[in-house]
Amino acid sequence: MSLTEQFNAAAEKVKTLTKRPSDDEFLELYALFKQGTVGDNNTNKPGLLDLKGKAKWEAWNKQKGKSTEAAQQEYVKFVEGLVAKYA
């Protein structure tokens, strides 16, 4: 299975978790997914009052410079850990 297929399969596996991951785990998932699909964060930072948007933006921005392939590999490994922990 190619890396892209593994990445897409992992994205589907996340939807089957029976328990809710922590907020930090969700942010890590979001950041790796965005880096693996879009690449470096090129959006404007959300306003001061948008706490959720700001947290997501900052998590994604921390992945800056990471290649799409590296982000996808990390995402697949991270999801495997979550499935073992929460499935």
N, C-alpha and C. Protein backbone atom coordinates (compact mmCIF):
# COMPACT_ATOMS: atom_id res chain seq x y z
N MET A 1 0.85 -1.18 0.00
CA MET A 1 0.00 0.00 0.00
C MET A 1 0.90 1.24 0.00
N SER A 2 0.57 2.20 -0.84
CA SER A 2 1.37 3.42 -0.93
C SER A 2 1.16 4.27 0.32
N LEU A 3 2.04 5.23 0.52
CA LEU A 3 1.95 6.11 1.68
C LEU A 3 0.64 6.90 1.66
N THR A 4 0.25 7.36 0.48
CA THR A 4 -1.00 8.12 0.38
C THR A 4 -2.20 7.24 0.76
N GLU A 5 -2.18 5.99 0.34
CA GLU A 5 -3.27 5.06 0.71
C GLU A 5 -3.27 4.80 2.21
N GLN A 6 -2.09 4.63 2.80
CA GLN A 6 -1.99 4.44 4.25
C GLN A 6 -2.51 5.67 4.99
N PHE A 7 -2.15 6.84 4.48
CA PHE A 7 -2.58 8.11 5.08
C PHE A 7 -4.10 8.23 5.04
N ASN A 8 -4.69 7.94 3.89
CA ASN A 8 -6.15 8.02 3.75
C ASN A 8 -6.85 6.98 4.63
N ALA A 9 -6.27 5.78 4.74
CA ALA A 9 -6.84 4.74 5.59
C ALA A 9 -6.78 5.17 7.06
N ALA A 10 -5.68 5.80 7.44
CA ALA A 10 -5.54 6.29 8.82
C ALA A 10 -6.57 7.38 9.11
N ALA A 11 -6.80 8.25 8.15
CA ALA A 11 -7.80 9.31 8.32
C ALA A 11 -9.19 8.71 8.54
N GLU A 12 -9.48 7.59 7.90
CA GLU A 12 -10.76 6.91 8.10
C GLU A 12 -10.80 6.20 9.45
N LYS A 13 -9.68 5.62 9.87
CA LYS A 13 -9.61 4.93 11.16
C LYS A 13 -9.91 5.86 12.33
N VAL A 14 -9.47 7.10 12.23
CA VAL A 14 -9.68 8.07 13.31
C VAL A 14 -11.17 8.23 13.60
N LYS A 15 -11.98 8.13 12.57
CA LYS A 15 -13.43 8.30 12.72
C LYS A 15 -14.07 7.15 13.49
N THR A 16 -13.35 6.04 13.68
CA THR A 16 -13.93 4.87 14.34
C THR A 16 -13.55 4.76 15.82
N LEU A 17 -12.81 5.74 16.33
CA LEU A 17 -12.41 5.68 17.75
C LEU A 17 -13.64 5.70 18.64
N THR A 18 -13.63 4.87 19.68
CA THR A 18 -14.78 4.79 20.57
C THR A 18 -14.68 5.75 21.74
N LYS A 19 -13.48 6.23 22.04
CA LYS A 19 -13.28 7.22 23.10
C LYS A 19 -12.66 8.46 22.49
N ARG A 20 -12.89 9.59 23.15
CA ARG A 20 -12.41 10.87 22.63
C ARG A 20 -10.96 11.11 23.04
N PRO A 21 -10.08 11.36 22.05
CA PRO A 21 -8.69 11.72 22.39
C PRO A 21 -8.63 13.07 23.09
N SER A 22 -7.50 13.36 23.72
CA SER A 22 -7.34 14.64 24.42
C SER A 22 -7.27 15.78 23.41
N ASP A 23 -7.43 16.99 23.91
CA ASP A 23 -7.35 18.17 23.04
C ASP A 23 -5.98 18.27 22.37
N ASP A 24 -4.92 17.97 23.10
CA ASP A 24 -3.57 18.00 22.53
C ASP A 24 -3.42 16.98 21.41
N GLU A 25 -4.00 15.80 21.61
CA GLU A 25 -3.95 14.77 20.57
C GLU A 25 -4.73 15.21 19.33
N PHE A 26 -5.88 15.85 19.55
CA PHE A 26 -6.66 16.36 18.42
C PHE A 26 -5.87 17.41 17.65
N LEU A 27 -5.18 18.31 18.37
CA LEU A 27 -4.39 19.34 17.70
C LEU A 27 -3.25 18.72 16.90
N GLU A 28 -2.62 17.70 17.45
CA GLU A 28 -1.53 17.01 16.74
C GLU A 28 -2.08 16.34 15.48
N LEU A 29 -3.22 15.68 15.61
CA LEU A 29 -3.87 15.06 14.44
C LEU A 29 -4.15 16.10 13.36
N TYR A 30 -4.75 17.19 13.78
CA TYR A 30 -5.10 18.27 12.85
C TYR A 30 -3.86 18.80 12.14
N ALA A 31 -2.82 19.10 12.92
CA ALA A 31 -1.62 19.70 12.36
C ALA A 31 -0.94 18.75 11.36
N LEU A 32 -0.82 17.49 11.72
CA LEU A 32 -0.18 16.53 10.82
C LEU A 32 -1.03 16.31 9.57
N PHE A 33 -2.35 16.27 9.74
CA PHE A 33 -3.24 16.09 8.58
C PHE A 33 -3.10 17.27 7.62
N LYS A 34 -3.14 18.48 8.16
CA LYS A 34 -3.03 19.67 7.30
C LYS A 34 -1.67 19.73 6.62
N GLN A 35 -0.61 19.42 7.36
CA GLN A 35 0.73 19.45 6.77
C GLN A 35 0.86 18.36 5.70
N GLY A 36 0.21 17.22 5.95
CA GLY A 36 0.27 16.11 5.00
C GLY A 36 -0.58 16.30 3.76
N THR A 37 -1.56 17.20 3.83
CA THR A 37 -2.43 17.42 2.68
C THR A 37 -2.19 18.76 2.00
N VAL A 38 -1.96 19.81 2.79
CA VAL A 38 -1.83 21.16 2.25
C VAL A 38 -0.37 21.60 2.17
N GLY A 39 0.42 21.20 3.16
CA GLY A 39 1.80 21.67 3.25
C GLY A 39 1.90 22.75 4.30
N ASP A 40 2.89 23.61 4.17
CA ASP A 40 3.11 24.66 5.16
C ASP A 40 1.89 25.57 5.30
N ASN A 41 1.67 26.01 6.52
CA ASN A 41 0.57 26.92 6.83
C ASN A 41 0.81 28.25 6.11
N ASN A 42 -0.14 28.62 5.26
CA ASN A 42 -0.02 29.88 4.52
C ASN A 42 -1.23 30.77 4.75
N THR A 43 -1.92 30.56 5.86
CA THR A 43 -3.11 31.33 6.18
C THR A 43 -2.77 32.41 7.21
N ASN A 44 -3.63 33.39 7.32
CA ASN A 44 -3.44 34.43 8.33
C ASN A 44 -3.78 33.88 9.70
N LYS A 45 -3.05 34.36 10.70
CA LYS A 45 -3.31 33.94 12.07
C LYS A 45 -4.68 34.47 12.51
N PRO A 46 -5.51 33.61 13.12
CA PRO A 46 -6.83 34.06 13.58
C PRO A 46 -6.72 35.15 14.65
N GLY A 47 -7.80 35.86 14.85
CA GLY A 47 -7.83 36.94 15.82
C GLY A 47 -7.68 36.45 17.24
N LEU A 48 -7.43 37.38 18.12
CA LEU A 48 -7.16 37.10 19.53
C LEU A 48 -8.32 36.38 20.22
N LEU A 49 -9.54 36.67 19.80
CA LEU A 49 -10.71 36.08 20.46
C LEU A 49 -11.08 34.70 19.92
N ASP A 50 -10.50 34.30 18.81
CA ASP A 50 -10.77 32.99 18.23
C ASP A 50 -9.77 31.98 18.81
N LEU A 51 -10.04 31.54 20.03
CA LEU A 51 -9.09 30.68 20.74
C LEU A 51 -8.90 29.33 20.06
N LYS A 52 -9.99 28.74 19.62
CA LYS A 52 -9.90 27.43 18.96
C LYS A 52 -9.13 27.55 17.64
N GLY A 53 -9.49 28.53 16.83
CA GLY A 53 -8.81 28.75 15.57
C GLY A 53 -7.34 29.05 15.75
N LYS A 54 -7.03 29.83 16.78
CA LYS A 54 -5.64 30.19 17.06
C LYS A 54 -4.84 28.96 17.47
N ALA A 55 -5.41 28.09 18.30
CA ALA A 55 -4.72 26.86 18.73
C ALA A 55 -4.45 25.96 17.53
N LYS A 56 -5.43 25.82 16.65
CA LYS A 56 -5.26 24.99 15.46
C LYS A 56 -4.19 25.59 14.54
N TRP A 57 -4.22 26.92 14.36
CA TRP A 57 -3.26 27.59 13.50
C TRP A 57 -1.84 27.39 14.04
N GLU A 58 -1.67 27.57 15.34
CA GLU A 58 -0.35 27.43 15.95
C GLU A 58 0.16 25.99 15.87
N ALA A 59 -0.72 25.02 16.07
CA ALA A 59 -0.32 23.61 15.98
C ALA A 59 0.15 23.30 14.57
N TRP A 60 -0.58 23.76 13.58
CA TRP A 60 -0.21 23.53 12.19
C TRP A 60 1.10 24.27 11.86
N ASN A 61 1.23 25.48 12.35
CA ASN A 61 2.41 26.29 12.06
C ASN A 61 3.69 25.64 12.62
N LYS A 62 3.58 24.89 13.70
CA LYS A 62 4.74 24.20 14.28
C LYS A 62 5.29 23.12 13.35
N GLN A 63 4.47 22.67 12.40
CA GLN A 63 4.89 21.63 11.45
C GLN A 63 5.60 22.23 10.24
N LYS A 64 5.71 23.55 10.19
CA LYS A 64 6.28 24.24 9.03
C LYS A 64 7.65 23.67 8.66
N GLY A 65 7.84 23.46 7.38
CA GLY A 65 9.11 22.95 6.87
C GLY A 65 9.16 21.43 6.74
N LYS A 66 8.20 20.76 7.35
CA LYS A 66 8.14 19.29 7.27
C LYS A 66 7.55 18.91 5.92
N SER A 67 8.17 17.93 5.27
CA SER A 67 7.67 17.51 3.95
C SER A 67 6.32 16.83 4.09
N THR A 68 5.59 16.81 2.99
CA THR A 68 4.29 16.15 2.96
C THR A 68 4.43 14.68 3.33
N GLU A 69 5.46 14.02 2.79
CA GLU A 69 5.66 12.60 3.06
C GLU A 69 5.96 12.35 4.54
N ALA A 70 6.82 13.17 5.12
CA ALA A 70 7.16 13.00 6.54
C ALA A 70 5.93 13.22 7.41
N ALA A 71 5.12 14.23 7.08
CA ALA A 71 3.91 14.49 7.86
C ALA A 71 2.93 13.34 7.72
N GLN A 72 2.81 12.78 6.53
CA GLN A 72 1.89 11.65 6.33
C GLN A 72 2.37 10.43 7.11
N GLN A 73 3.68 10.17 7.11
CA GLN A 73 4.21 9.04 7.87
C GLN A 73 3.95 9.21 9.37
N GLU A 74 4.20 10.43 9.87
CA GLU A 74 3.95 10.70 11.28
C GLU A 74 2.47 10.54 11.62
N TYR A 75 1.62 11.01 10.73
CA TYR A 75 0.18 10.92 10.94
C TYR A 75 -0.25 9.46 11.07
N VAL A 76 0.23 8.62 10.15
CA VAL A 76 -0.12 7.19 10.16
C VAL A 76 0.32 6.56 11.48
N LYS A 77 1.53 6.84 11.93
CA LYS A 77 2.03 6.29 13.19
C LYS A 77 1.23 6.81 14.38
N PHE A 78 0.91 8.09 14.35
CA PHE A 78 0.15 8.71 15.45
C PHE A 78 -1.24 8.09 15.55
N VAL A 79 -1.88 7.88 14.40
CA VAL A 79 -3.22 7.27 14.39
C VAL A 79 -3.15 5.84 14.91
N GLU A 80 -2.12 5.10 14.55
CA GLU A 80 -1.97 3.73 15.06
C GLU A 80 -1.91 3.73 16.59
N GLY A 81 -1.18 4.69 17.15
CA GLY A 81 -1.11 4.82 18.60
C GLY A 81 -2.46 5.15 19.22
N LEU A 82 -3.20 6.05 18.58
CA LEU A 82 -4.53 6.43 19.08
C LEU A 82 -5.49 5.26 19.00
N VAL A 83 -5.43 4.50 17.91
CA VAL A 83 -6.32 3.34 17.76
C VAL A 83 -6.03 2.33 18.87
N ALA A 84 -4.76 2.09 19.16
CA ALA A 84 -4.39 1.17 20.21
C ALA A 84 -4.88 1.67 21.58
N LYS A 85 -4.88 2.98 21.75
CA LYS A 85 -5.25 3.58 23.03
C LYS A 85 -6.76 3.75 23.21
N TYR A 86 -7.46 4.11 22.14
CA TYR A 86 -8.88 4.51 22.25
C TYR A 86 -9.88 3.61 21.53
N ALA A 87 -9.45 2.64 20.76
CA ALA A 87 -10.40 1.83 20.00
C ALA A 87 -11.06 0.76 20.84
